[in-house]
PDB file of all heavy atoms in Angstrom:
ATOM      1  N   GLU A   1       0.838  -1.192   0.000  1.00  0.00           N
ATOM      2  CA  GLU A   1       0.000   0.000   0.000  1.00  0.00           C
ATOM      3  C   GLU A   1       0.876   1.245   0.000  1.00  0.00           C
ATOM      4  O   GLU A   1       1.816   1.366   0.777  1.00  0.00           O
ATOM      5  CB  GLU A   1      -0.915  -0.017   1.237  1.00  0.00           C
ATOM      6  CG  GLU A   1      -1.824   1.206   1.300  1.00  0.00           C
ATOM      7  CD  GLU A   1      -2.598   1.252   2.604  1.00  0.00           C
ATOM      8  OE1 GLU A   1      -2.416   0.352   3.432  1.00  0.00           O
ATOM      9  OE2 GLU A   1      -3.367   2.193   2.780  1.00  0.00           O
ATOM     10  N   GLY A   2       0.553   2.182  -0.867  1.00  0.00           N
ATOM     11  CA  GLY A   2       1.296   3.432  -0.909  1.00  0.00           C
ATOM     12  C   GLY A   2       2.476   3.397  -1.860  1.00  0.00           C
ATOM     13  O   GLY A   2       2.981   4.439  -2.250  1.00  0.00           O
ATOM     14  N   GLU A   3       2.942   2.206  -2.246  1.00  0.00           N
ATOM     15  CA  GLU A   3       4.088   2.101  -3.140  1.00  0.00           C
ATOM     16  C   GLU A   3       3.696   1.577  -4.510  1.00  0.00           C
ATOM     17  O   GLU A   3       4.393   1.771  -5.473  1.00  0.00           O
ATOM     18  CB  GLU A   3       5.154   1.184  -2.516  1.00  0.00           C
ATOM     19  CG  GLU A   3       5.737   1.753  -1.229  1.00  0.00           C
ATOM     20  CD  GLU A   3       6.824   0.863  -0.674  1.00  0.00           C
ATOM     21  OE1 GLU A   3       7.416   0.096  -1.441  1.00  0.00           O
ATOM     22  OE2 GLU A   3       7.077   0.933   0.524  1.00  0.00           O
ATOM     23  N   ASN A   4       2.589   0.866  -4.568  1.00  0.00           N
ATOM     24  CA  ASN A   4       2.108   0.325  -5.836  1.00  0.00           C
ATOM     25  C   ASN A   4       0.686   0.833  -6.037  1.00  0.00           C
ATOM     26  O   ASN A   4      -0.214   0.478  -5.287  1.00  0.00           O
ATOM     27  CB  ASN A   4       2.141  -1.203  -5.788  1.00  0.00           C
ATOM     28  CG  ASN A   4       1.562  -1.816  -7.054  1.00  0.00           C
ATOM     29  OD1 ASN A   4       1.209  -1.109  -7.987  1.00  0.00           O
ATOM     30  ND2 ASN A   4       1.476  -3.121  -7.076  1.00  0.00           N
ATOM     31  N   PRO A   5       0.450   1.703  -7.023  1.00  0.00           N
ATOM     32  CA  PRO A   5      -0.863   2.300  -7.182  1.00  0.00           C
ATOM     33  C   PRO A   5      -1.986   1.305  -7.423  1.00  0.00           C
ATOM     34  O   PRO A   5      -3.142   1.608  -7.198  1.00  0.00           O
ATOM     35  CB  PRO A   5      -0.680   3.237  -8.394  1.00  0.00           C
ATOM     36  CG  PRO A   5       0.525   2.724  -9.105  1.00  0.00           C
ATOM     37  CD  PRO A   5       1.399   2.160  -8.044  1.00  0.00           C
ATOM     38  N   SER A   6      -1.662   0.094  -7.860  1.00  0.00           N
ATOM     39  CA  SER A   6      -2.708  -0.894  -8.118  1.00  0.00           C
ATOM     40  C   SER A   6      -2.944  -1.823  -6.933  1.00  0.00           C
ATOM     41  O   SER A   6      -3.774  -2.709  -6.983  1.00  0.00           O
ATOM     42  CB  SER A   6      -2.344  -1.731  -9.351  1.00  0.00           C
ATOM     43  OG  SER A   6      -1.214  -2.522  -9.080  1.00  0.00           O
ATOM     44  N   SER A   7      -2.176  -1.620  -5.841  1.00  0.00           N
ATOM     45  CA  SER A   7      -2.275  -2.555  -4.724  1.00  0.00           C
ATOM     46  C   SER A   7      -3.550  -2.347  -3.919  1.00  0.00           C
ATOM     47  O   SER A   7      -4.123  -1.268  -3.869  1.00  0.00           O
ATOM     48  CB  SER A   7      -1.057  -2.421  -3.808  1.00  0.00           C
ATOM     49  OG  SER A   7      -1.103  -1.195  -3.121  1.00  0.00           O
ATOM     50  N   ALA A   8      -3.983  -3.425  -3.294  1.00  0.00           N
ATOM     51  CA  ALA A   8      -5.162  -3.364  -2.432  1.00  0.00           C
ATOM     52  C   ALA A   8      -4.724  -3.109  -0.995  1.00  0.00           C
ATOM     53  O   ALA A   8      -3.569  -3.267  -0.639  1.00  0.00           O
ATOM     54  CB  ALA A   8      -5.929  -4.671  -2.531  1.00  0.00           C
ATOM     55  N   VAL A   9      -5.672  -2.677  -0.173  1.00  0.00           N
ATOM     56  CA  VAL A   9      -5.430  -2.565   1.260  1.00  0.00           C
ATOM     57  C   VAL A   9      -5.941  -3.861   1.867  1.00  0.00           C
ATOM     58  O   VAL A   9      -7.137  -4.106   1.906  1.00  0.00           O
ATOM     59  CB  VAL A   9      -6.163  -1.357   1.860  1.00  0.00           C
ATOM     60  CG1 VAL A   9      -5.911  -1.287   3.356  1.00  0.00           C
ATOM     61  CG2 VAL A   9      -5.722  -0.079   1.173  1.00  0.00           C
ATOM     62  N   PHE A  10      -5.040  -4.673   2.328  1.00  0.00           N
ATOM     63  CA  PHE A  10      -5.427  -6.004   2.786  1.00  0.00           C
ATOM     64  C   PHE A  10      -5.874  -5.945   4.240  1.00  0.00           C
ATOM     65  O   PHE A  10      -5.089  -5.657   5.136  1.00  0.00           O
ATOM     66  CB  PHE A  10      -4.266  -6.977   2.597  1.00  0.00           C
ATOM     67  CG  PHE A  10      -3.819  -7.080   1.164  1.00  0.00           C
ATOM     68  CD1 PHE A  10      -2.595  -6.573   0.760  1.00  0.00           C
ATOM     69  CD2 PHE A  10      -4.648  -7.666   0.220  1.00  0.00           C
ATOM     70  CE1 PHE A  10      -2.188  -6.662  -0.553  1.00  0.00           C
ATOM     71  CE2 PHE A  10      -4.254  -7.761  -1.106  1.00  0.00           C
ATOM     72  CZ  PHE A  10      -3.021  -7.255  -1.492  1.00  0.00           C
ATOM     73  N   LYS A  11      -7.132  -6.238   4.467  1.00  0.00           N
ATOM     74  CA  LYS A  11      -7.746  -6.094   5.790  1.00  0.00           C
ATOM     75  C   LYS A  11      -7.772  -7.390   6.584  1.00  0.00           C
ATOM     76  O   LYS A  11      -8.022  -7.373   7.781  1.00  0.00           O
ATOM     77  CB  LYS A  11      -9.191  -5.595   5.633  1.00  0.00           C
ATOM     78  CG  LYS A  11      -9.326  -4.221   4.998  1.00  0.00           C
ATOM     79  CD  LYS A  11      -8.875  -3.133   5.945  1.00  0.00           C
ATOM     80  CE  LYS A  11      -9.216  -1.744   5.422  1.00  0.00           C
ATOM     81  NZ  LYS A  11      -8.758  -0.684   6.336  1.00  0.00           N
ATOM     82  N   LYS A  12      -7.547  -8.523   5.902  1.00  0.00           N
ATOM     83  CA  LYS A  12      -7.701  -9.802   6.582  1.00  0.00           C
ATOM     84  C   LYS A  12      -6.766 -10.821   5.967  1.00  0.00           C
ATOM     85  O   LYS A  12      -6.596 -10.863   4.748  1.00  0.00           O
ATOM     86  CB  LYS A  12      -9.156 -10.278   6.448  1.00  0.00           C
ATOM     87  CG  LYS A  12      -9.481 -11.593   7.131  1.00  0.00           C
ATOM     88  CD  LYS A  12     -10.955 -11.925   6.898  1.00  0.00           C
ATOM     89  CE  LYS A  12     -11.336 -13.280   7.472  1.00  0.00           C
ATOM     90  NZ  LYS A  12     -12.759 -13.605   7.199  1.00  0.00           N
ATOM     91  N   VAL A  13      -6.150 -11.630   6.814  1.00  0.00           N
ATOM     92  CA  VAL A  13      -5.278 -12.703   6.329  1.00  0.00           C
ATOM     93  C   VAL A  13      -5.597 -13.994   7.070  1.00  0.00           C
ATOM     94  O   VAL A  13      -5.955 -13.981   8.248  1.00  0.00           O
ATOM     95  CB  VAL A  13      -3.777 -12.367   6.507  1.00  0.00           C
ATOM     96  CG1 VAL A  13      -3.365 -11.225   5.601  1.00  0.00           C
ATOM     97  CG2 VAL A  13      -3.440 -12.054   7.953  1.00  0.00           C
ATOM     98  N   THR A  14      -5.466 -15.098   6.368  1.00  0.00           N
ATOM     99  CA  THR A  14      -5.613 -16.426   6.951  1.00  0.00           C
ATOM    100  C   THR A  14      -4.282 -17.137   6.798  1.00  0.00           C
ATOM    101  O   THR A  14      -3.842 -17.430   5.679  1.00  0.00           O
ATOM    102  CB  THR A  14      -6.722 -17.230   6.255  1.00  0.00           C
ATOM    103  OG1 THR A  14      -7.963 -16.533   6.394  1.00  0.00           O
ATOM    104  CG2 THR A  14      -6.845 -18.619   6.872  1.00  0.00           C
ATOM    105  N   LEU A  15      -3.621 -17.392   7.913  1.00  0.00           N
ATOM    106  CA  LEU A  15      -2.259 -17.920   7.894  1.00  0.00           C
ATOM    107  C   LEU A  15      -2.261 -19.395   8.298  1.00  0.00           C
ATOM    108  O   LEU A  15      -2.451 -19.734   9.471  1.00  0.00           O
ATOM    109  CB  LEU A  15      -1.384 -17.116   8.857  1.00  0.00           C
ATOM    110  CG  LEU A  15      -1.212 -15.646   8.453  1.00  0.00           C
ATOM    111  CD1 LEU A  15      -0.814 -14.799   9.644  1.00  0.00           C
ATOM    112  CD2 LEU A  15      -0.192 -15.521   7.347  1.00  0.00           C
ATOM    113  N   PRO A  16      -2.074 -20.305   7.322  1.00  0.00           N
ATOM    114  CA  PRO A  16      -2.004 -21.736   7.656  1.00  0.00           C
ATOM    115  C   PRO A  16      -0.841 -22.015   8.600  1.00  0.00           C
ATOM    116  O   PRO A  16       0.243 -21.421   8.478  1.00  0.00           O
ATOM    117  CB  PRO A  16      -1.786 -22.409   6.301  1.00  0.00           C
ATOM    118  CG  PRO A  16      -2.283 -21.418   5.293  1.00  0.00           C
ATOM    119  CD  PRO A  16      -1.971 -20.075   5.879  1.00  0.00           C
ATOM    120  N   LEU A  17      -1.058 -22.930   9.521  1.00  0.00           N
ATOM    121  CA  LEU A  17      -0.010 -23.291  10.476  1.00  0.00           C
ATOM    122  C   LEU A  17       1.013 -24.242   9.868  1.00  0.00           C
ATOM    123  O   LEU A  17       2.096 -24.423  10.416  1.00  0.00           O
ATOM    124  CB  LEU A  17      -0.642 -23.935  11.715  1.00  0.00           C
ATOM    125  CG  LEU A  17      -1.554 -23.012  12.531  1.00  0.00           C
ATOM    126  CD1 LEU A  17      -2.293 -23.801  13.599  1.00  0.00           C
ATOM    127  CD2 LEU A  17      -0.739 -21.889  13.167  1.00  0.00           C
ATOM    128  N   HIS A  18       0.658 -24.841   8.724  1.00  0.00           N
ATOM    129  CA  HIS A  18       1.562 -25.795   8.079  1.00  0.00           C
ATOM    130  C   HIS A  18       1.945 -25.260   6.707  1.00  0.00           C
ATOM    131  O   HIS A  18       1.236 -25.446   5.733  1.00  0.00           O
ATOM    132  CB  HIS A  18       0.878 -27.150   7.944  1.00  0.00           C
ATOM    133  CG  HIS A  18       1.836 -28.280   7.734  1.00  0.00           C
ATOM    134  ND1 HIS A  18       1.439 -29.535   7.347  1.00  0.00           N
ATOM    135  CD2 HIS A  18       3.192 -28.356   7.864  1.00  0.00           C
ATOM    136  CE1 HIS A  18       2.499 -30.332   7.248  1.00  0.00           C
ATOM    137  NE2 HIS A  18       3.571 -29.636   7.554  1.00  0.00           N
ATOM    138  N   GLN A  19       3.081 -24.563   6.630  1.00  0.00           N
ATOM    139  CA  GLN A  19       3.548 -23.974   5.379  1.00  0.00           C
ATOM    140  C   GLN A  19       4.936 -24.477   5.013  1.00  0.00           C
ATOM    141  O   GLN A  19       5.647 -23.831   4.251  1.00  0.00           O
ATOM    142  CB  GLN A  19       3.567 -22.445   5.483  1.00  0.00           C
ATOM    143  CG  GLN A  19       2.229 -21.820   5.806  1.00  0.00           C
ATOM    144  CD  GLN A  19       2.248 -20.305   5.695  1.00  0.00           C
ATOM    145  OE1 GLN A  19       2.969 -19.723   4.878  1.00  0.00           O
ATOM    146  NE2 GLN A  19       1.441 -19.637   6.505  1.00  0.00           N
ATOM    147  N   ASN A  20       5.309 -25.625   5.535  1.00  0.00           N
ATOM    148  CA  ASN A  20       6.688 -26.083   5.399  1.00  0.00           C
ATOM    149  C   ASN A  20       6.769 -27.591   5.558  1.00  0.00           C
ATOM    150  O   ASN A  20       5.817 -28.244   5.981  1.00  0.00           O
ATOM    151  CB  ASN A  20       7.557 -25.431   6.472  1.00  0.00           C
ATOM    152  CG  ASN A  20       6.939 -25.572   7.862  1.00  0.00           C
ATOM    153  OD1 ASN A  20       6.221 -24.669   8.294  1.00  0.00           O
ATOM    154  ND2 ASN A  20       7.175 -26.675   8.551  1.00  0.00           N
ATOM    155  N   VAL A  21       7.939 -28.127   5.205  1.00  0.00           N
ATOM    156  CA  VAL A  21       8.229 -29.527   5.515  1.00  0.00           C
ATOM    157  C   VAL A  21       8.290 -29.672   7.035  1.00  0.00           C
ATOM    158  O   VAL A  21       8.836 -28.819   7.733  1.00  0.00           O
ATOM    159  CB  VAL A  21       9.575 -29.943   4.888  1.00  0.00           C
ATOM    160  CG1 VAL A  21      10.034 -31.285   5.434  1.00  0.00           C
ATOM    161  CG2 VAL A  21       9.459 -30.012   3.374  1.00  0.00           C
ATOM    162  N   GLY A  22       7.728 -30.764   7.540  1.00  0.00           N
ATOM    163  CA  GLY A  22       7.759 -31.000   8.979  1.00  0.00           C
ATOM    164  C   GLY A  22       6.409 -30.794   9.628  1.00  0.00           C
ATOM    165  O   GLY A  22       5.363 -30.878   8.979  1.00  0.00           O
ATOM    166  N   ALA A  23       6.428 -30.494  10.907  1.00  0.00           N
ATOM    167  CA  ALA A  23       5.206 -30.371  11.695  1.00  0.00           C
ATOM    168  C   ALA A  23       4.601 -28.972  11.562  1.00  0.00           C
ATOM    169  O   ALA A  23       5.314 -27.993  11.331  1.00  0.00           O
ATOM    170  CB  ALA A  23       5.507 -30.667  13.160  1.00  0.00           C
ATOM    171  N   PRO A  24       3.265 -28.868  11.723  1.00  0.00           N
ATOM    172  CA  PRO A  24       2.633 -27.541  11.751  1.00  0.00           C
ATOM    173  C   PRO A  24       3.101 -26.757  12.971  1.00  0.00           C
ATOM    174  O   PRO A  24       3.456 -27.339  14.002  1.00  0.00           O
ATOM    175  CB  PRO A  24       1.132 -27.866  11.846  1.00  0.00           C
ATOM    176  CG  PRO A  24       0.998 -29.306  11.489  1.00  0.00           C
ATOM    177  CD  PRO A  24       2.293 -29.964  11.857  1.00  0.00           C
ATOM    178  N   ALA A  25       3.093 -25.444  12.843  1.00  0.00           N
ATOM    179  CA  ALA A  25       3.421 -24.590  13.986  1.00  0.00           C
ATOM    180  C   ALA A  25       2.277 -24.631  14.999  1.00  0.00           C
ATOM    181  O   ALA A  25       1.123 -24.869  14.648  1.00  0.00           O
ATOM    182  CB  ALA A  25       3.669 -23.162  13.523  1.00  0.00           C
ATOM    183  N   GLU A  26       2.605 -24.402  16.269  1.00  0.00           N
ATOM    184  CA  GLU A  26       1.604 -24.401  17.333  1.00  0.00           C
ATOM    185  C   GLU A  26       1.232 -22.967  17.688  1.00  0.00           C
ATOM    186  O   GLU A  26       2.117 -22.131  17.911  1.00  0.00           O
ATOM    187  CB  GLU A  26       2.152 -25.121  18.561  1.00  0.00           C
ATOM    188  CG  GLU A  26       2.402 -26.602  18.338  1.00  0.00           C
ATOM    189  CD  GLU A  26       2.947 -27.306  19.562  1.00  0.00           C
ATOM    190  OE1 GLU A  26       3.499 -26.602  20.448  1.00  0.00           O
ATOM    191  OE2 GLU A  26       2.823 -28.547  19.636  1.00  0.00           O
ATOM    192  N   PRO A  27      -0.071 -22.633  17.728  1.00  0.00           N
ATOM    193  CA  PRO A  27      -0.496 -21.251  18.008  1.00  0.00           C
ATOM    194  C   PRO A  27       0.099 -20.712  19.307  1.00  0.00           C
ATOM    195  O   PRO A  27       0.165 -21.415  20.317  1.00  0.00           O
ATOM    196  CB  PRO A  27      -2.014 -21.372  18.096  1.00  0.00           C
ATOM    197  CG  PRO A  27      -2.354 -22.570  17.269  1.00  0.00           C
ATOM    198  CD  PRO A  27      -1.216 -23.526  17.478  1.00  0.00           C
ATOM    199  N   ALA A  28       0.525 -19.450  19.240  1.00  0.00           N
ATOM    200  CA  ALA A  28       1.062 -18.762  20.421  1.00  0.00           C
ATOM    201  C   ALA A  28       0.199 -17.558  20.776  1.00  0.00           C
ATOM    202  O   ALA A  28       0.598 -16.723  21.597  1.00  0.00           O
ATOM    203  CB  ALA A  28       2.500 -18.325  20.152  1.00  0.00           C
ATOM    204  N   VAL A  29      -0.969 -17.450  20.154  1.00  0.00           N
ATOM    205  CA  VAL A  29      -1.903 -16.350  20.417  1.00  0.00           C
ATOM    206  C   VAL A  29      -3.299 -16.938  20.610  1.00  0.00           C
ATOM    207  O   VAL A  29      -3.561 -18.100  20.289  1.00  0.00           O
ATOM    208  CB  VAL A  29      -1.933 -15.337  19.253  1.00  0.00           C
ATOM    209  CG1 VAL A  29      -0.614 -14.594  19.137  1.00  0.00           C
ATOM    210  CG2 VAL A  29      -2.262 -16.038  17.925  1.00  0.00           C
ATOM    211  N   ASN A  30      -4.188 -16.107  21.130  1.00  0.00           N
ATOM    212  CA  ASN A  30      -5.568 -16.509  21.351  1.00  0.00           C
ATOM    213  C   ASN A  30      -6.513 -15.545  20.652  1.00  0.00           C
ATOM    214  O   ASN A  30      -6.131 -14.408  20.315  1.00  0.00           O
ATOM    215  CB  ASN A  30      -5.885 -16.530  22.853  1.00  0.00           C
ATOM    216  CG  ASN A  30      -5.034 -17.532  23.609  1.00  0.00           C
ATOM    217  OD1 ASN A  30      -5.056 -18.722  23.305  1.00  0.00           O
ATOM    218  ND2 ASN A  30      -4.278 -17.035  24.585  1.00  0.00           N
ATOM    219  N   VAL A  31      -7.736 -15.978  20.437  1.00  0.00           N
ATOM    220  CA  VAL A  31      -8.751 -15.101  19.855  1.00  0.00           C
ATOM    221  C   VAL A  31      -8.910 -13.862  20.732  1.00  0.00           C
ATOM    222  O   VAL A  31      -8.972 -13.952  21.962  1.00  0.00           O
ATOM    223  CB  VAL A  31     -10.102 -15.844  19.729  1.00  0.00           C
ATOM    224  CG1 VAL A  31     -11.195 -14.881  19.286  1.00  0.00           C
ATOM    225  CG2 VAL A  31      -9.990 -16.995  18.738  1.00  0.00           C
ATOM    226  N   GLY A  32      -8.919 -12.718  20.086  1.00  0.00           N
ATOM    227  CA  GLY A  32      -9.040 -11.452  20.803  1.00  0.00           C
ATOM    228  C   GLY A  32      -7.725 -10.735  21.020  1.00  0.00           C
ATOM    229  O   GLY A  32      -7.714  -9.538  21.329  1.00  0.00           O
ATOM    230  N   ASP A  33      -6.594 -11.433  20.857  1.00  0.00           N
ATOM    231  CA  ASP A  33      -5.288 -10.793  21.020  1.00  0.00           C
ATOM    232  C   ASP A  33      -5.053  -9.762  19.917  1.00  0.00           C
ATOM    233  O   ASP A  33      -5.441  -9.970  18.766  1.00  0.00           O
ATOM    234  CB  ASP A  33      -4.168 -11.827  20.974  1.00  0.00           C
ATOM    235  CG  ASP A  33      -4.099 -12.699  22.217  1.00  0.00           C
ATOM    236  OD1 ASP A  33      -4.823 -12.395  23.178  1.00  0.00           O
ATOM    237  OD2 ASP A  33      -3.329 -13.676  22.209  1.00  0.00           O
ATOM    238  N   THR A  34      -4.389  -8.688  20.267  1.00  0.00           N
ATOM    239  CA  THR A  34      -3.963  -7.690  19.283  1.00  0.00           C
ATOM    240  C   THR A  34      -2.507  -7.948  18.925  1.00  0.00           C
ATOM    241  O   THR A  34      -1.672  -8.142  19.816  1.00  0.00           O
ATOM    242  CB  THR A  34      -4.121  -6.271  19.837  1.00  0.00           C
ATOM    243  OG1 THR A  34      -5.507  -6.029  20.120  1.00  0.00           O
ATOM    244  CG2 THR A  34      -3.640  -5.241  18.824  1.00  0.00           C
ATOM    245  N   VAL A  35      -2.210  -7.975  17.635  1.00  0.00           N
ATOM    246  CA  VAL A  35      -0.848  -8.253  17.186  1.00  0.00           C
ATOM    247  C   VAL A  35      -0.386  -7.175  16.223  1.00  0.00           C
ATOM    248  O   VAL A  35      -1.187  -6.551  15.527  1.00  0.00           O
ATOM    249  CB  VAL A  35      -0.745  -9.636  16.498  1.00  0.00           C
ATOM    250  CG1 VAL A  35      -1.032 -10.756  17.482  1.00  0.00           C
ATOM    251  CG2 VAL A  35      -1.687  -9.733  15.306  1.00  0.00           C
ATOM    252  N   GLU A  36       0.928  -6.979  16.191  1.00  0.00           N
ATOM    253  CA  GLU A  36       1.560  -6.094  15.225  1.00  0.00           C
ATOM    254  C   GLU A  36       2.217  -6.936  14.145  1.00  0.00           C
ATOM    255  O   GLU A  36       2.619  -8.081  14.387  1.00  0.00           O
ATOM    256  CB  GLU A  36       2.615  -5.209  15.903  1.00  0.00           C
ATOM    257  CG  GLU A  36       2.049  -4.261  16.940  1.00  0.00           C
ATOM    258  CD  GLU A  36       1.147  -3.200  16.332  1.00  0.00           C
ATOM    259  OE1 GLU A  36       1.444  -2.744  15.204  1.00  0.00           O
ATOM    260  OE2 GLU A  36       0.138  -2.850  16.975  1.00  0.00           O
ATOM    261  N   LYS A  37       2.319  -6.366  12.959  1.00  0.00           N
ATOM    262  CA  LYS A  37       3.006  -7.073  11.879  1.00  0.00           C
ATOM    263  C   LYS A  37       4.399  -7.490  12.341  1.00  0.00           C
ATOM    264  O   LYS A  37       5.164  -6.683  12.881  1.00  0.00           O
ATOM    265  CB  LYS A  37       3.116  -6.169  10.650  1.00  0.00           C
ATOM    266  CG  LYS A  37       3.838  -6.802   9.479  1.00  0.00           C
ATOM    267  CD  LYS A  37       3.894  -5.854   8.299  1.00  0.00           C
ATOM    268  CE  LYS A  37       4.690  -6.462   7.144  1.00  0.00           C
ATOM    269  NZ  LYS A  37       4.756  -5.547   5.973  1.00  0.00           N
ATOM    270  N   GLY A  38       4.720  -8.769  12.159  1.00  0.00           N
ATOM    271  CA  GLY A  38       6.018  -9.293  12.566  1.00  0.00           C
ATOM    272  C   GLY A  38       6.011  -9.996  13.903  1.00  0.00           C
ATOM    273  O   GLY A  38       6.985 -10.658  14.258  1.00  0.00           O
ATOM    274  N   ASP A  39       4.912  -9.885  14.648  1.00  0.00           N
ATOM    275  CA  ASP A  39       4.829 -10.584  15.940  1.00  0.00           C
ATOM    276  C   ASP A  39       4.746 -12.094  15.729  1.00  0.00           C
ATOM    277  O   ASP A  39       4.109 -12.571  14.778  1.00  0.00           O
ATOM    278  CB  ASP A  39       3.595 -10.135  16.723  1.00  0.00           C
ATOM    279  CG  ASP A  39       3.748  -8.753  17.343  1.00  0.00           C
ATOM    280  OD1 ASP A  39       4.867  -8.206  17.291  1.00  0.00           O
ATOM    281  OD2 ASP A  39       2.744  -8.243  17.877  1.00  0.00           O
ATOM    282  N   LEU A  40       5.365 -12.852  16.636  1.00  0.00           N
ATOM    283  CA  LEU A  40       5.268 -14.301  16.597  1.00  0.00           C
ATOM    284  C   LEU A  40       3.848 -14.719  16.968  1.00  0.00           C
ATOM    285  O   LEU A  40       3.324 -14.331  18.012  1.00  0.00           O
ATOM    286  CB  LEU A  40       6.259 -14.924  17.582  1.00  0.00           C
ATOM    287  CG  LEU A  40       6.259 -16.458  17.662  1.00  0.00           C
ATOM    288  CD1 LEU A  40       6.860 -17.055  16.407  1.00  0.00           C
ATOM    289  CD2 LEU A  40       7.026 -16.930  18.894  1.00  0.00           C
ATOM    290  N   ILE A  41       3.208 -15.516  16.103  1.00  0.00           N
ATOM    291  CA  ILE A  41       1.851 -15.985  16.398  1.00  0.00           C
ATOM    292  C   ILE A  41       1.760 -17.503  16.506  1.00  0.00           C
ATOM    293  O   ILE A  41       0.774 -18.025  17.012  1.00  0.00           O
ATOM    294  CB  ILE A  41       0.830 -15.467  15.347  1.00  0.00           C
ATOM    295  CG1 ILE A  41       1.200 -15.956  13.940  1.00  0.00           C
ATOM    296  CG2 ILE A  41       0.726 -13.952  15.392  1.00  0.00           C
ATOM    297  CD1 ILE A  41       0.130 -15.658  12.897  1.00  0.00           C
ATOM    298  N   ALA A  42       2.786 -18.219  16.041  1.00  0.00           N
ATOM    299  CA  ALA A  42       2.824 -19.677  16.171  1.00  0.00           C
ATOM    300  C   ALA A  42       4.276 -20.109  16.145  1.00  0.00           C
ATOM    301  O   ALA A  42       5.083 -19.549  15.407  1.00  0.00           O
ATOM    302  CB  ALA A  42       2.031 -20.358  15.066  1.00  0.00           C
ATOM    303  N   ARG A  43       4.590 -21.117  16.945  1.00  0.00           N
ATOM    304  CA  ARG A  43       5.999 -21.525  17.081  1.00  0.00           C
ATOM    305  C   ARG A  43       6.205 -22.990  16.726  1.00  0.00           C
ATOM    306  O   ARG A  43       5.260 -23.792  16.707  1.00  0.00           O
ATOM    307  CB  ARG A  43       6.500 -21.249  18.498  1.00  0.00           C
ATOM    308  CG  ARG A  43       5.725 -21.943  19.592  1.00  0.00           C
ATOM    309  CD  ARG A  43       6.401 -21.733  20.958  1.00  0.00           C
ATOM    310  NE  ARG A  43       6.516 -20.337  21.301  1.00  0.00           N
ATOM    311  CZ  ARG A  43       5.613 -19.656  22.012  1.00  0.00           C
ATOM    312  NH1 ARG A  43       4.509 -20.270  22.427  1.00  0.00           N
ATOM    313  NH2 ARG A  43       5.799 -18.394  22.306  1.00  0.00           N
ATOM    314  N   ILE A  44       7.464 -23.327  16.476  1.00  0.00           N
ATOM    315  CA  ILE A  44       7.842 -24.708  16.167  1.00  0.00           C
ATOM    316  C   ILE A  44       7.535 -25.596  17.365  1.00  0.00           C
ATOM    317  O   ILE A  44       7.899 -25.267  18.493  1.00  0.00           O
ATOM    318  CB  ILE A  44       9.345 -24.799  15.854  1.00  0.00           C
ATOM    319  CG1 ILE A  44       9.745 -23.851  14.725  1.00  0.00           C
ATOM    320  CG2 ILE A  44       9.738 -26.236  15.501  1.00  0.00           C
ATOM    321  CD1 ILE A  44      11.247 -23.724  14.536  1.00  0.00           C
ATOM    322  N   PRO A  45       6.860 -26.730  17.152  1.00  0.00           N
ATOM    323  CA  PRO A  45       6.649 -27.667  18.262  1.00  0.00           C
ATOM    324  C   PRO A  45       7.983 -28.153  18.816  1.00  0.00           C
ATOM    325  O   PRO A  45       8.955 -28.309  18.077  1.00  0.00           O
ATOM    326  CB  PRO A  45       5.866 -28.820  17.620  1.00  0.00           C
ATOM    327  CG  PRO A  45       5.288 -28.247  16.370  1.00  0.00           C
ATOM    328  CD  PRO A  45       6.253 -27.207  15.898  1.00  0.00           C
ATOM    329  N   LYS A  46       8.027 -28.412  20.100  1.00  0.00           N
ATOM    330  CA  LYS A  46       9.267 -28.835  20.750  1.00  0.00           C
ATOM    331  C   LYS A  46       9.809 -30.114  20.131  1.00  0.00           C
ATOM    332  O   LYS A  46       9.079 -31.080  19.909  1.00  0.00           O
ATOM    333  CB  LYS A  46       9.017 -29.049  22.244  1.00  0.00           C
ATOM    334  CG  LYS A  46      10.286 -29.343  23.031  1.00  0.00           C
ATOM    335  CD  LYS A  46       9.992 -29.474  24.518  1.00  0.00           C
ATOM    336  CE  LYS A  46      11.275 -29.768  25.299  1.00  0.00           C
ATOM    337  NZ  LYS A  46      10.998 -29.907  26.760  1.00  0.00           N
TER     338      LYS A  46
END
């Protein structure tokens, strides 16, 4: 946004927990939490 005149303002994202080889990430947030871009929301299982 702001750098590409054709870009959309993205209001919502759905982030799959399994985007890689191996195990899915485990959620580190709960419904209702406020997050900033770049915050950790799911971590590698032990």
